[in-house]
Amino acid sequence: LAAVAVGPVVAECVRLVDGIAARREIIVDVHDAGSTTVVAD
């Protein structure tokens, strides 16, 4: 457990599902997470 910036983690996960989203013509929209951090692994 440590301070984790949410924005980069969300962006990475979105990139990983981009392929299947594109094949199904699904738009993935991310609202700016700013500098939000959480306590997490």
PDB file of all heavy atoms in Angstrom:
ATOM      1  N   LEU A   1       0.833  -1.204   0.000  1.00  0.00           N
ATOM      2  CA  LEU A   1       0.000   0.000   0.000  1.00  0.00           C
ATOM      3  C   LEU A   1       0.865   1.251   0.000  1.00  0.00           C
ATOM      4  O   LEU A   1       1.789   1.377   0.792  1.00  0.00           O
ATOM      5  CB  LEU A   1      -0.930  -0.008   1.212  1.00  0.00           C
ATOM      6  CG  LEU A   1      -1.946  -1.152   1.284  1.00  0.00           C
ATOM      7  CD1 LEU A   1      -2.782  -1.040   2.548  1.00  0.00           C
ATOM      8  CD2 LEU A   1      -2.841  -1.158   0.050  1.00  0.00           C
ATOM      9  N   ALA A   2       0.537   2.150  -0.904  1.00  0.00           N
ATOM     10  CA  ALA A   2       1.283   3.412  -1.026  1.00  0.00           C
ATOM     11  C   ALA A   2       0.381   4.423  -1.719  1.00  0.00           C
ATOM     12  O   ALA A   2      -0.726   4.098  -2.154  1.00  0.00           O
ATOM     13  CB  ALA A   2       2.566   3.194  -1.824  1.00  0.00           C
ATOM     14  N   ALA A   3       0.850   5.661  -1.809  1.00  0.00           N
ATOM     15  CA  ALA A   3       0.102   6.685  -2.532  1.00  0.00           C
ATOM     16  C   ALA A   3       0.238   6.426  -4.033  1.00  0.00           C
ATOM     17  O   ALA A   3       1.347   6.361  -4.570  1.00  0.00           O
ATOM     18  CB  ALA A   3       0.643   8.072  -2.185  1.00  0.00           C
ATOM     19  N   VAL A   4      -0.892   6.251  -4.707  1.00  0.00           N
ATOM     20  CA  VAL A   4      -0.898   5.922  -6.140  1.00  0.00           C
ATOM     21  C   VAL A   4      -1.704   6.984  -6.885  1.00  0.00           C
ATOM     22  O   VAL A   4      -2.844   7.288  -6.522  1.00  0.00           O
ATOM     23  CB  VAL A   4      -1.523   4.528  -6.383  1.00  0.00           C
ATOM     24  CG1 VAL A   4      -1.604   4.239  -7.881  1.00  0.00           C
ATOM     25  CG2 VAL A   4      -0.727   3.453  -5.666  1.00  0.00           C
ATOM     26  N   ALA A   5      -1.107   7.550  -7.930  1.00  0.00           N
ATOM     27  CA  ALA A   5      -1.817   8.514  -8.773  1.00  0.00           C
ATOM     28  C   ALA A   5      -2.829   7.765  -9.634  1.00  0.00           C
ATOM     29  O   ALA A   5      -2.480   6.825 -10.347  1.00  0.00           O
ATOM     30  CB  ALA A   5      -0.828   9.275  -9.644  1.00  0.00           C
ATOM     31  N   VAL A   6      -4.087   8.174  -9.569  1.00  0.00           N
ATOM     32  CA  VAL A   6      -5.151   7.443 -10.251  1.00  0.00           C
ATOM     33  C   VAL A   6      -5.090   7.633 -11.764  1.00  0.00           C
ATOM     34  O   VAL A   6      -5.277   6.686 -12.529  1.00  0.00           O
ATOM     35  CB  VAL A   6      -6.533   7.889  -9.718  1.00  0.00           C
ATOM     36  CG1 VAL A   6      -7.653   7.201 -10.484  1.00  0.00           C
ATOM     37  CG2 VAL A   6      -6.639   7.592  -8.231  1.00  0.00           C
ATOM     38  N   GLY A   7      -4.811   8.851 -12.224  1.00  0.00           N
ATOM     39  CA  GLY A   7      -4.845   9.162 -13.652  1.00  0.00           C
ATOM     40  C   GLY A   7      -4.015   8.222 -14.516  1.00  0.00           C
ATOM     41  O   GLY A   7      -4.520   7.640 -15.485  1.00  0.00           O
ATOM     42  N   PRO A   8      -2.715   8.049 -14.222  1.00  0.00           N
ATOM     43  CA  PRO A   8      -1.891   7.166 -15.048  1.00  0.00           C
ATOM     44  C   PRO A   8      -2.380   5.716 -15.060  1.00  0.00           C
ATOM     45  O   PRO A   8      -2.289   5.040 -16.088  1.00  0.00           O
ATOM     46  CB  PRO A   8      -0.507   7.273 -14.395  1.00  0.00           C
ATOM     47  CG  PRO A   8      -0.515   8.593 -13.708  1.00  0.00           C
ATOM     48  CD  PRO A   8      -1.904   8.784 -13.223  1.00  0.00           C
ATOM     49  N   VAL A   9      -2.898   5.232 -13.932  1.00  0.00           N
ATOM     50  CA  VAL A   9      -3.393   3.845 -13.882  1.00  0.00           C
ATOM     51  C   VAL A   9      -4.623   3.697 -14.770  1.00  0.00           C
ATOM     52  O   VAL A   9      -4.739   2.726 -15.535  1.00  0.00           O
ATOM     53  CB  VAL A   9      -3.729   3.435 -12.433  1.00  0.00           C
ATOM     54  CG1 VAL A   9      -4.223   1.992 -12.389  1.00  0.00           C
ATOM     55  CG2 VAL A   9      -2.525   3.595 -11.529  1.00  0.00           C
ATOM     56  N   VAL A  10      -5.536   4.666 -14.698  1.00  0.00           N
ATOM     57  CA  VAL A  10      -6.726   4.626 -15.550  1.00  0.00           C
ATOM     58  C   VAL A  10      -6.324   4.679 -17.022  1.00  0.00           C
ATOM     59  O   VAL A  10      -6.838   3.904 -17.854  1.00  0.00           O
ATOM     60  CB  VAL A  10      -7.682   5.783 -15.202  1.00  0.00           C
ATOM     61  CG1 VAL A  10      -8.798   5.895 -16.240  1.00  0.00           C
ATOM     62  CG2 VAL A  10      -8.273   5.593 -13.812  1.00  0.00           C
ATOM     63  N   ALA A  11      -5.397   5.572 -17.370  1.00  0.00           N
ATOM     64  CA  ALA A  11      -4.968   5.709 -18.765  1.00  0.00           C
ATOM     65  C   ALA A  11      -4.352   4.407 -19.278  1.00  0.00           C
ATOM     66  O   ALA A  11      -4.609   3.990 -20.420  1.00  0.00           O
ATOM     67  CB  ALA A  11      -3.956   6.854 -18.885  1.00  0.00           C
ATOM     68  N   GLU A  12      -3.548   3.752 -18.450  1.00  0.00           N
ATOM     69  CA  GLU A  12      -2.933   2.487 -18.853  1.00  0.00           C
ATOM     70  C   GLU A  12      -3.991   1.418 -19.089  1.00  0.00           C
ATOM     71  O   GLU A  12      -3.932   0.665 -20.068  1.00  0.00           O
ATOM     72  CB  GLU A  12      -1.951   2.021 -17.782  1.00  0.00           C
ATOM     73  CG  GLU A  12      -1.235   0.725 -18.128  1.00  0.00           C
ATOM     74  CD  GLU A  12      -0.319   0.258 -17.020  1.00  0.00           C
ATOM     75  OE1 GLU A  12      -0.191   0.954 -15.990  1.00  0.00           O
ATOM     76  OE2 GLU A  12       0.280  -0.833 -17.177  1.00  0.00           O
ATOM     77  N   CYS A  13      -4.978   1.318 -18.202  1.00  0.00           N
ATOM     78  CA  CYS A  13      -6.032   0.307 -18.349  1.00  0.00           C
ATOM     79  C   CYS A  13      -6.874   0.568 -19.598  1.00  0.00           C
ATOM     80  O   CYS A  13      -7.284  -0.377 -20.287  1.00  0.00           O
ATOM     81  CB  CYS A  13      -6.921   0.289 -17.110  1.00  0.00           C
ATOM     82  SG  CYS A  13      -6.081  -0.311 -15.623  1.00  0.00           S
ATOM     83  N   VAL A  14      -7.130   1.840 -19.892  1.00  0.00           N
ATOM     84  CA  VAL A  14      -7.894   2.181 -21.099  1.00  0.00           C
ATOM     85  C   VAL A  14      -7.132   1.751 -22.340  1.00  0.00           C
ATOM     86  O   VAL A  14      -7.710   1.214 -23.301  1.00  0.00           O
ATOM     87  CB  VAL A  14      -8.213   3.687 -21.130  1.00  0.00           C
ATOM     88  CG1 VAL A  14      -8.769   4.096 -22.493  1.00  0.00           C
ATOM     89  CG2 VAL A  14      -9.202   4.047 -20.033  1.00  0.00           C
ATOM     90  N   ARG A  15      -5.824   1.972 -22.363  1.00  0.00           N
ATOM     91  CA  ARG A  15      -5.010   1.541 -23.513  1.00  0.00           C
ATOM     92  C   ARG A  15      -5.099   0.027 -23.713  1.00  0.00           C
ATOM     93  O   ARG A  15      -5.113  -0.467 -24.841  1.00  0.00           O
ATOM     94  CB  ARG A  15      -3.548   1.957 -23.328  1.00  0.00           C
ATOM     95  CG  ARG A  15      -3.281   3.431 -23.573  1.00  0.00           C
ATOM     96  CD  ARG A  15      -1.800   3.712 -23.733  1.00  0.00           C
ATOM     97  NE  ARG A  15      -1.033   3.358 -22.541  1.00  0.00           N
ATOM     98  CZ  ARG A  15      -0.817   4.165 -21.522  1.00  0.00           C
ATOM     99  NH1 ARG A  15      -1.325   5.398 -21.538  1.00  0.00           N
ATOM    100  NH2 ARG A  15      -0.105   3.775 -20.475  1.00  0.00           N
ATOM    101  N   LEU A  16      -5.169  -0.713 -22.606  1.00  0.00           N
ATOM    102  CA  LEU A  16      -5.191  -2.171 -22.701  1.00  0.00           C
ATOM    103  C   LEU A  16      -6.525  -2.703 -23.242  1.00  0.00           C
ATOM    104  O   LEU A  16      -6.571  -3.824 -23.755  1.00  0.00           O
ATOM    105  CB  LEU A  16      -4.902  -2.790 -21.323  1.00  0.00           C
ATOM    106  CG  LEU A  16      -3.470  -2.612 -20.810  1.00  0.00           C
ATOM    107  CD1 LEU A  16      -3.350  -3.079 -19.367  1.00  0.00           C
ATOM    108  CD2 LEU A  16      -2.489  -3.388 -21.687  1.00  0.00           C
ATOM    109  N   VAL A  17      -7.605  -1.928 -23.117  1.00  0.00           N
ATOM    110  CA  VAL A  17      -8.891  -2.384 -23.653  1.00  0.00           C
ATOM    111  C   VAL A  17      -9.238  -1.692 -24.966  1.00  0.00           C
ATOM    112  O   VAL A  17     -10.315  -1.955 -25.527  1.00  0.00           O
ATOM    113  CB  VAL A  17     -10.035  -2.164 -22.627  1.00  0.00           C
ATOM    114  CG1 VAL A  17      -9.763  -2.920 -21.349  1.00  0.00           C
ATOM    115  CG2 VAL A  17     -10.266  -0.690 -22.363  1.00  0.00           C
ATOM    116  N   ASP A  18      -8.340  -0.835 -25.452  1.00  0.00           N
ATOM    117  CA  ASP A  18      -8.610  -0.106 -26.687  1.00  0.00           C
ATOM    118  C   ASP A  18      -8.902  -1.042 -27.856  1.00  0.00           C
ATOM    119  O   ASP A  18      -9.773  -0.771 -28.687  1.00  0.00           O
ATOM    120  CB  ASP A  18      -7.427   0.810 -27.043  1.00  0.00           C
ATOM    121  CG  ASP A  18      -7.609   2.206 -26.471  1.00  0.00           C
ATOM    122  OD1 ASP A  18      -8.746   2.517 -26.051  1.00  0.00           O
ATOM    123  OD2 ASP A  18      -6.634   2.968 -26.434  1.00  0.00           O
ATOM    124  N   GLY A  19      -8.144  -2.166 -27.932  1.00  0.00           N
ATOM    125  CA  GLY A  19      -8.302  -3.077 -29.062  1.00  0.00           C
ATOM    126  C   GLY A  19      -9.689  -3.659 -29.150  1.00  0.00           C
ATOM    127  O   GLY A  19     -10.373  -3.550 -30.181  1.00  0.00           O
ATOM    128  N   ILE A  20     -10.172  -4.260 -28.053  1.00  0.00           N
ATOM    129  CA  ILE A  20     -11.499  -4.865 -28.055  1.00  0.00           C
ATOM    130  C   ILE A  20     -12.587  -3.800 -28.170  1.00  0.00           C
ATOM    131  O   ILE A  20     -13.636  -4.023 -28.794  1.00  0.00           O
ATOM    132  CB  ILE A  20     -11.702  -5.742 -26.799  1.00  0.00           C
ATOM    133  CG1 ILE A  20     -13.058  -6.440 -26.845  1.00  0.00           C
ATOM    134  CG2 ILE A  20     -11.585  -4.929 -25.520  1.00  0.00           C
ATOM    135  CD1 ILE A  20     -13.262  -7.436 -25.721  1.00  0.00           C
ATOM    136  N   ALA A  21     -12.334  -2.609 -27.604  1.00  0.00           N
ATOM    137  CA  ALA A  21     -13.314  -1.519 -27.709  1.00  0.00           C
ATOM    138  C   ALA A  21     -13.453  -1.078 -29.163  1.00  0.00           C
ATOM    139  O   ALA A  21     -14.574  -0.856 -29.652  1.00  0.00           O
ATOM    140  CB  ALA A  21     -12.899  -0.345 -26.828  1.00  0.00           C
ATOM    141  N   ALA A  22     -12.330  -0.969 -29.876  1.00  0.00           N
ATOM    142  CA  ALA A  22     -12.369  -0.554 -31.284  1.00  0.00           C
ATOM    143  C   ALA A  22     -13.104  -1.584 -32.138  1.00  0.00           C
ATOM    144  O   ALA A  22     -13.879  -1.219 -33.035  1.00  0.00           O
ATOM    145  CB  ALA A  22     -10.947  -0.353 -31.800  1.00  0.00           C
ATOM    146  N   ARG A  23     -12.875  -2.876 -31.865  1.00  0.00           N
ATOM    147  CA  ARG A  23     -13.541  -3.919 -32.648  1.00  0.00           C
ATOM    148  C   ARG A  23     -15.054  -3.879 -32.455  1.00  0.00           C
ATOM    149  O   ARG A  23     -15.808  -4.247 -33.355  1.00  0.00           O
ATOM    150  CB  ARG A  23     -13.003  -5.301 -32.265  1.00  0.00           C
ATOM    151  CG  ARG A  23     -11.602  -5.579 -32.771  1.00  0.00           C
ATOM    152  CD  ARG A  23     -11.232  -7.047 -32.671  1.00  0.00           C
ATOM    153  NE  ARG A  23     -11.167  -7.528 -31.303  1.00  0.00           N
ATOM    154  CZ  ARG A  23     -10.093  -7.448 -30.528  1.00  0.00           C
ATOM    155  NH1 ARG A  23      -8.980  -6.875 -30.997  1.00  0.00           N
ATOM    156  NH2 ARG A  23     -10.089  -7.918 -29.302  1.00  0.00           N
ATOM    157  N   ARG A  24     -15.503  -3.422 -31.292  1.00  0.00           N
ATOM    158  CA  ARG A  24     -16.945  -3.365 -31.023  1.00  0.00           C
ATOM    159  C   ARG A  24     -17.486  -1.929 -31.179  1.00  0.00           C
ATOM    160  O   ARG A  24     -18.619  -1.655 -30.815  1.00  0.00           O
ATOM    161  CB  ARG A  24     -17.235  -3.876 -29.609  1.00  0.00           C
ATOM    162  CG  ARG A  24     -16.677  -5.268 -29.344  1.00  0.00           C
ATOM    163  CD  ARG A  24     -17.323  -5.931 -28.152  1.00  0.00           C
ATOM    164  NE  ARG A  24     -18.702  -6.287 -28.440  1.00  0.00           N
ATOM    165  CZ  ARG A  24     -19.731  -6.045 -27.621  1.00  0.00           C
ATOM    166  NH1 ARG A  24     -19.522  -5.420 -26.463  1.00  0.00           N
ATOM    167  NH2 ARG A  24     -20.950  -6.405 -27.938  1.00  0.00           N
ATOM    168  N   GLU A  25     -16.620  -1.042 -31.718  1.00  0.00           N
ATOM    169  CA  GLU A  25     -17.012   0.348 -31.998  1.00  0.00           C
ATOM    170  C   GLU A  25     -17.517   1.056 -30.742  1.00  0.00           C
ATOM    171  O   GLU A  25     -18.505   1.801 -30.758  1.00  0.00           O
ATOM    172  CB  GLU A  25     -18.083   0.395 -33.103  1.00  0.00           C
ATOM    173  CG  GLU A  25     -17.617  -0.224 -34.411  1.00  0.00           C
ATOM    174  CD  GLU A  25     -18.722  -0.243 -35.454  1.00  0.00           C
ATOM    175  OE1 GLU A  25     -19.830   0.262 -35.169  1.00  0.00           O
ATOM    176  OE2 GLU A  25     -18.485  -0.759 -36.560  1.00  0.00           O
ATOM    177  N   ILE A  26     -16.844   0.791 -29.640  1.00  0.00           N
ATOM    178  CA  ILE A  26     -17.218   1.395 -28.356  1.00  0.00           C
ATOM    179  C   ILE A  26     -16.251   2.522 -28.023  1.00  0.00           C
ATOM    180  O   ILE A  26     -15.030   2.349 -28.093  1.00  0.00           O
ATOM    181  CB  ILE A  26     -17.221   0.332 -27.238  1.00  0.00           C
ATOM    182  CG1 ILE A  26     -18.352  -0.675 -27.480  1.00  0.00           C
ATOM    183  CG2 ILE A  26     -17.366   0.977 -25.865  1.00  0.00           C
ATOM    184  CD1 ILE A  26     -18.336  -1.858 -26.535  1.00  0.00           C
ATOM    185  N   ILE A  27     -16.797   3.661 -27.655  1.00  0.00           N
ATOM    186  CA  ILE A  27     -15.981   4.817 -27.273  1.00  0.00           C
ATOM    187  C   ILE A  27     -15.736   4.774 -25.765  1.00  0.00           C
ATOM    188  O   ILE A  27     -16.679   4.666 -24.973  1.00  0.00           O
ATOM    189  CB  ILE A  27     -16.680   6.135 -27.658  1.00  0.00           C
ATOM    190  CG1 ILE A  27     -16.852   6.216 -29.182  1.00  0.00           C
ATOM    191  CG2 ILE A  27     -15.893   7.336 -27.132  1.00  0.00           C
ATOM    192  CD1 ILE A  27     -17.681   7.414 -29.624  1.00  0.00           C
ATOM    193  N   VAL A  28     -14.475   4.873 -25.362  1.00  0.00           N
ATOM    194  CA  VAL A  28     -14.122   4.907 -23.941  1.00  0.00           C
ATOM    195  C   VAL A  28     -13.688   6.332 -23.609  1.00  0.00           C
ATOM    196  O   VAL A  28     -12.682   6.820 -24.119  1.00  0.00           O
ATOM    197  CB  VAL A  28     -13.005   3.907 -23.608  1.00  0.00           C
ATOM    198  CG1 VAL A  28     -12.686   3.965 -22.116  1.00  0.00           C
ATOM    199  CG2 VAL A  28     -13.403   2.492 -24.009  1.00  0.00           C
ATOM    200  N   ASP A  29     -14.454   7.000 -22.772  1.00  0.00           N
ATOM    201  CA  ASP A  29     -14.199   8.394 -22.420  1.00  0.00           C
ATOM    202  C   ASP A  29     -13.722   8.469 -20.971  1.00  0.00           C
ATOM    203  O   ASP A  29     -14.317   7.842 -20.081  1.00  0.00           O
ATOM    204  CB  ASP A  29     -15.486   9.210 -22.598  1.00  0.00           C
ATOM    205  CG  ASP A  29     -15.272  10.678 -22.254  1.00  0.00           C
ATOM    206  OD1 ASP A  29     -14.201  11.210 -22.577  1.00  0.00           O
ATOM    207  OD2 ASP A  29     -16.179  11.269 -21.635  1.00  0.00           O
ATOM    208  N   VAL A  30     -12.653   9.225 -20.741  1.00  0.00           N
ATOM    209  CA  VAL A  30     -12.105   9.379 -19.394  1.00  0.00           C
ATOM    210  C   VAL A  30     -12.191  10.839 -18.986  1.00  0.00           C
ATOM    211  O   VAL A  30     -11.634  11.701 -19.668  1.00  0.00           O
ATOM    212  CB  VAL A  30     -10.639   8.905 -19.321  1.00  0.00           C
ATOM    213  CG1 VAL A  30     -10.102   9.087 -17.893  1.00  0.00           C
ATOM    214  CG2 VAL A  30     -10.520   7.455 -19.759  1.00  0.00           C
ATOM    215  N   HIS A  31     -12.901  11.104 -17.900  1.00  0.00           N
ATOM    216  CA  HIS A  31     -12.914  12.461 -17.359  1.00  0.00           C
ATOM    217  C   HIS A  31     -11.584  12.693 -16.652  1.00  0.00           C
ATOM    218  O   HIS A  31     -11.079  11.816 -15.949  1.00  0.00           O
ATOM    219  CB  HIS A  31     -14.074  12.637 -16.376  1.00  0.00           C
ATOM    220  CG  HIS A  31     -15.407  12.699 -17.064  1.00  0.00           C
ATOM    221  ND1 HIS A  31     -16.533  13.177 -16.447  1.00  0.00           N
ATOM    222  CD2 HIS A  31     -15.790  12.355 -18.313  1.00  0.00           C
ATOM    223  CE1 HIS A  31     -17.562  13.118 -17.281  1.00  0.00           C
ATOM    224  NE2 HIS A  31     -17.134  12.608 -18.420  1.00  0.00           N
ATOM    225  N   ASP A  32     -11.027  13.847 -16.797  1.00  0.00           N
ATOM    226  CA  ASP A  32      -9.703  14.146 -16.245  1.00  0.00           C
ATOM    227  C   ASP A  32      -9.636  13.842 -14.753  1.00  0.00           C
ATOM    228  O   ASP A  32     -10.406  14.396 -13.960  1.00  0.00           O
ATOM    229  CB  ASP A  32      -9.374  15.623 -16.496  1.00  0.00           C
ATOM    230  CG  ASP A  32      -7.962  15.968 -16.055  1.00  0.00           C
ATOM    231  OD1 ASP A  32      -7.162  15.030 -15.860  1.00  0.00           O
ATOM    232  OD2 ASP A  32      -7.666  17.167 -15.914  1.00  0.00           O
ATOM    233  N   ALA A  33      -8.732  12.919 -14.411  1.00  0.00           N
ATOM    234  CA  ALA A  33      -8.577  12.558 -13.000  1.00  0.00           C
ATOM    235  C   ALA A  33      -7.701  13.548 -12.247  1.00  0.00           C
ATOM    236  O   ALA A  33      -7.570  13.469 -11.020  1.00  0.00           O
ATOM    237  CB  ALA A  33      -7.983  11.151 -12.895  1.00  0.00           C
ATOM    238  N   GLY A  34      -7.090  14.473 -12.963  1.00  0.00           N
ATOM    239  CA  GLY A  34      -6.237  15.467 -12.319  1.00  0.00           C
ATOM    240  C   GLY A  34      -5.088  14.822 -11.578  1.00  0.00           C
ATOM    241  O   GLY A  34      -4.474  13.866 -12.048  1.00  0.00           O
ATOM    242  N   SER A  35      -4.791  15.345 -10.398  1.00  0.00           N
ATOM    243  CA  SER A  35      -3.675  14.816  -9.601  1.00  0.00           C
ATOM    244  C   SER A  35      -4.184  13.976  -8.432  1.00  0.00           C
ATOM    245  O   SER A  35      -3.511  13.865  -7.410  1.00  0.00           O
ATOM    246  CB  SER A  35      -2.820  15.981  -9.083  1.00  0.00           C
ATOM    247  OG  SER A  35      -3.627  16.872  -8.318  1.00  0.00           O
ATOM    248  N   THR A  36      -5.361  13.395  -8.577  1.00  0.00           N
ATOM    249  CA  THR A  36      -5.964  12.597  -7.499  1.00  0.00           C
ATOM    250  C   THR A  36      -5.092  11.389  -7.172  1.00  0.00           C
ATOM    251  O   THR A  36      -4.636  10.675  -8.062  1.00  0.00           O
ATOM    252  CB  THR A  36      -7.366  12.116  -7.905  1.00  0.00           C
ATOM    253  OG1 THR A  36      -8.150  13.249  -8.290  1.00  0.00           O
ATOM    254  CG2 THR A  36      -8.040  11.395  -6.747  1.00  0.00           C
ATOM    255  N   THR A  37      -4.873  11.147  -5.880  1.00  0.00           N
ATOM    256  CA  THR A  37      -4.102   9.976  -5.451  1.00  0.00           C
ATOM    257  C   THR A  37      -4.904   9.207  -4.406  1.00  0.00           C
ATOM    258  O   THR A  37      -5.715   9.782  -3.680  1.00  0.00           O
ATOM    259  CB  THR A  37      -2.745  10.377  -4.843  1.00  0.00           C
ATOM    260  OG1 THR A  37      -2.971  11.276  -3.752  1.00  0.00           O
ATOM    261  CG2 THR A  37      -1.846  11.039  -5.875  1.00  0.00           C
ATOM    262  N   VAL A  38      -4.660   7.909  -4.366  1.00  0.00           N
ATOM    263  CA  VAL A  38      -5.333   7.050  -3.387  1.00  0.00           C
ATOM    264  C   VAL A  38      -4.298   6.167  -2.704  1.00  0.00           C
ATOM    265  O   VAL A  38      -3.178   5.998  -3.193  1.00  0.00           O
ATOM    266  CB  VAL A  38      -6.394   6.150  -4.061  1.00  0.00           C
ATOM    267  CG1 VAL A  38      -7.533   6.977  -4.615  1.00  0.00           C
ATOM    268  CG2 VAL A  38      -5.769   5.275  -5.139  1.00  0.00           C
ATOM    269  N   VAL A  39      -4.693   5.613  -1.562  1.00  0.00           N
ATOM    270  CA  VAL A  39      -3.855   4.620  -0.887  1.00  0.00           C
ATOM    271  C   VAL A  39      -4.239   3.254  -1.449  1.00  0.00           C
ATOM    272  O   VAL A  39      -5.368   2.793  -1.276  1.00  0.00           O
ATOM    273  CB  VAL A  39      -4.074   4.647   0.638  1.00  0.00           C
ATOM    274  CG1 VAL A  39      -3.242   3.548   1.305  1.00  0.00           C
ATOM    275  CG2 VAL A  39      -3.698   6.009   1.202  1.00  0.00           C
ATOM    276  N   ALA A  40      -3.314   2.622  -2.160  1.00  0.00           N
ATOM    277  CA  ALA A  40      -3.629   1.356  -2.816  1.00  0.00           C
ATOM    278  C   ALA A  40      -2.348   0.626  -3.177  1.00  0.00           C
ATOM    279  O   ALA A  40      -1.243   1.175  -3.082  1.00  0.00           O
ATOM    280  CB  ALA A  40      -4.474   1.602  -4.071  1.00  0.00           C
ATOM    281  N   ASP A  41      -2.514  -0.626  -3.577  1.00  0.00           N
ATOM    282  CA  ASP A  41      -1.429  -1.402  -4.173  1.00  0.00           C
ATOM    283  C   ASP A  41      -1.522  -1.184  -5.679  1.00  0.00           C
ATOM    284  O   ASP A  41      -2.549  -1.471  -6.296  1.00  0.00           O
ATOM    285  CB  ASP A  41      -1.598  -2.889  -3.829  1.00  0.00           C
ATOM    286  CG  ASP A  41      -0.502  -3.747  -4.434  1.00  0.00           C
ATOM    287  OD1 ASP A  41      -0.488  -3.900  -5.674  1.00  0.00           O
ATOM    288  OD2 ASP A  41       0.328  -4.281  -3.682  1.00  0.00           O
TER     289      ASP A  41
END
